[in-house]
C-alpha atoms as a PDB file:
ATOM      1  CA  UNK A   1       8.822 -16.090 -10.798  1.00  0.00           C
ATOM      2  CA  UNK A   2       8.534 -14.675 -13.473  1.00  0.00           C
ATOM      3  CA  UNK A   3      10.642 -11.840 -12.477  1.00  0.00           C
ATOM      4  CA  UNK A   4      13.162 -14.243 -11.227  1.00  0.00           C
ATOM      5  CA  UNK A   5      13.113 -15.841 -14.715  1.00  0.00           C
ATOM      6  CA  UNK A   6      14.296 -12.847 -15.657  1.00  0.00           C
ATOM      7  CA  UNK A   7      17.410 -12.462 -14.391  1.00  0.00           C
ATOM      8  CA  UNK A   8      17.996 -16.181 -15.345  1.00  0.00           C
ATOM      9  CA  UNK A   9      17.069 -14.431 -19.371  1.00  0.00           C
ATOM     10  CA  UNK A  10      20.397 -12.658 -18.803  1.00  0.00           C
ATOM     11  CA  UNK A  11      22.229 -15.626 -18.857  1.00  0.00           C
ATOM     12  CA  UNK A  12      21.229 -16.764 -22.408  1.00  0.00           C
ATOM     13  CA  UNK A  13      22.341 -13.023 -23.736  1.00  0.00           C
ATOM     14  CA  UNK A  14      25.833 -13.649 -23.470  1.00  0.00           C
ATOM     15  CA  UNK A  15      27.451 -16.752 -25.375  1.00  0.00           C
ATOM     16  CA  UNK A  16      29.691 -18.832 -24.255  1.00  0.00           C
ATOM     17  CA  UNK A  17      33.528 -18.662 -25.626  1.00  0.00           C
ATOM     18  CA  UNK A  18      34.422 -22.563 -25.114  1.00  0.00           C
ATOM     19  CA  UNK A  19      31.444 -24.297 -26.614  1.00  0.00           C
ATOM     20  CA  UNK A  20      28.733 -23.659 -27.887  1.00  0.00           C
ATOM     21  CA  UNK A  21      25.343 -22.264 -25.821  1.00  0.00           C
ATOM     22  CA  UNK A  22      25.246 -20.111 -23.358  1.00  0.00           C
ATOM     23  CA  UNK A  23      26.065 -19.848 -18.940  1.00  0.00           C
ATOM     24  CA  UNK A  24      22.254 -20.582 -17.980  1.00  0.00           C
ATOM     25  CA  UNK A  25      23.650 -24.537 -16.222  1.00  0.00           C
ATOM     26  CA  UNK A  26      26.523 -22.609 -14.591  1.00  0.00           C
ATOM     27  CA  UNK A  27      23.698 -20.247 -13.300  1.00  0.00           C
ATOM     28  CA  UNK A  28      21.271 -23.202 -12.817  1.00  0.00           C
ATOM     29  CA  UNK A  29      23.776 -25.230 -10.904  1.00  0.00           C
ATOM     30  CA  UNK A  30      25.316 -22.389  -8.562  1.00  0.00           C
ATOM     31  CA  UNK A  31      25.164 -23.226  -5.261  1.00  0.00           C
ATOM     32  CA  UNK A  32      24.989 -19.204  -4.645  1.00  0.00           C
ATOM     33  CA  UNK A  33      22.150 -18.809  -6.763  1.00  0.00           C
ATOM     34  CA  UNK A  34      20.299 -21.324  -5.073  1.00  0.00           C
ATOM     35  CA  UNK A  35      20.617 -20.529  -1.377  1.00  0.00           C
ATOM     36  CA  UNK A  36      19.572 -17.126  -2.739  1.00  0.00           C
ATOM     37  CA  UNK A  37      16.314 -18.592  -4.237  1.00  0.00           C
ATOM     38  CA  UNK A  38      15.885 -20.558  -1.759  1.00  0.00           C
ATOM     39  CA  UNK A  39      15.710 -17.425   0.848  1.00  0.00           C
ATOM     40  CA  UNK A  40      13.434 -16.025  -1.690  1.00  0.00           C
ATOM     41  CA  UNK A  41      11.224 -19.029  -1.961  1.00  0.00           C
ATOM     42  CA  UNK A  42      10.542 -18.891   2.672  1.00  0.00           C
ATOM     43  CA  UNK A  43      10.614 -15.004   2.364  1.00  0.00           C
ATOM     44  CA  UNK A  44       7.535 -15.096  -0.174  1.00  0.00           C
ATOM     45  CA  UNK A  45       5.987 -18.219   2.277  1.00  0.00           C
ATOM     46  CA  UNK A  46       6.012 -16.034   5.216  1.00  0.00           C
ATOM     47  CA  UNK A  47       5.091 -12.872   3.642  1.00  0.00           C
ATOM     48  CA  UNK A  48       1.785 -14.567   2.216  1.00  0.00           C
ATOM     49  CA  UNK A  49       1.309 -16.069   5.655  1.00  0.00           C
ATOM     50  CA  UNK A  50       1.209 -13.015   7.536  1.00  0.00           C
ATOM     51  CA  UNK A  51      -0.772 -11.849   4.520  1.00  0.00           C
ATOM     52  CA  UNK A  52      -3.488 -14.376   4.897  1.00  0.00           C
ATOM     53  CA  UNK A  53      -3.245 -13.687   9.014  1.00  0.00           C
ATOM     54  CA  UNK A  54      -4.394 -10.516   8.268  1.00  0.00           C
ATOM     55  CA  UNK A  55      -6.671 -11.107   5.514  1.00  0.00           C
ATOM     56  CA  UNK A  56      -8.335 -13.703   8.371  1.00  0.00           C
ATOM     57  CA  UNK A  57      -9.009 -10.910  11.071  1.00  0.00           C
ATOM     58  CA  UNK A  58     -10.649  -8.552   8.098  1.00  0.00           C
ATOM     59  CA  UNK A  59     -13.105 -12.171   6.574  1.00  0.00           C
ATOM     60  CA  UNK A  60     -16.072 -11.395   8.997  1.00  0.00           C
ATOM     61  CA  UNK A  61     -16.063  -7.465   7.663  1.00  0.00           C
ATOM     62  CA  UNK A  62     -16.569  -9.058   3.956  1.00  0.00           C
ATOM     63  CA  UNK A  63     -19.836  -8.376   3.550  1.00  0.00           C
ATOM     64  CA  UNK A  64     -19.180  -4.837   3.314  1.00  0.00           C
ATOM     65  CA  UNK A  65     -16.705  -5.055   0.242  1.00  0.00           C
ATOM     66  CA  UNK A  66     -19.283  -8.078  -1.535  1.00  0.00           C
ATOM     67  CA  UNK A  67     -21.893  -6.222  -1.268  1.00  0.00           C
ATOM     68  CA  UNK A  68     -23.737  -5.242  -4.316  1.00  0.00           C
ATOM     69  CA  UNK A  69     -24.572  -2.001  -2.775  1.00  0.00           C
ATOM     70  CA  UNK A  70     -27.004  -1.383  -6.247  1.00  0.00           C
ATOM     71  CA  UNK A  71     -28.730  -4.393  -5.447  1.00  0.00           C
ATOM     72  CA  UNK A  72     -29.035  -3.928  -1.118  1.00  0.00           C
ATOM     73  CA  UNK A  73     -30.337  -0.380  -2.142  1.00  0.00           C
ATOM     74  CA  UNK A  74     -33.526  -1.561  -4.423  1.00  0.00           C
ATOM     75  CA  UNK A  75     -34.043  -4.373  -1.607  1.00  0.00           C
ATOM     76  CA  UNK A  76     -33.798  -1.335   0.973  1.00  0.00           C
ATOM     77  CA  UNK A  77     -36.433   1.094  -1.224  1.00  0.00           C
ATOM     78  CA  UNK A  78     -38.456  -2.199  -1.461  1.00  0.00           C
ATOM     79  CA  UNK A  79     -39.027  -2.732   1.914  1.00  0.00           C
ATOM     80  CA  UNK A  80     -39.038   0.805   2.664  1.00  0.00           C
ATOM     81  CA  UNK A  81     -42.449   1.874   4.327  1.00  0.00           C
ATOM     82  CA  UNK A  82     -42.925   5.334   3.257  1.00  0.00           C
ATOM     83  CA  UNK A  83     -45.511   7.732   5.808  1.00  0.00           C
END
């Protein structure tokens, strides 16, 4: 959400002409901004669910990237039978 915060930061760059302060309160209370934030959050949640679905398909193969190859090879050499 930090990139969304950077968009809100733009509202603090312009000083109000009618009184002291910035336009941040107006940006936060704008209905179209709220709707777009809701769409962004909904899309992020759907993407997270899709990513988790893909991840679960590959979890059975996680030993391929979680195994310490040097330790595994050392154990293999220790158990190997030389002829």
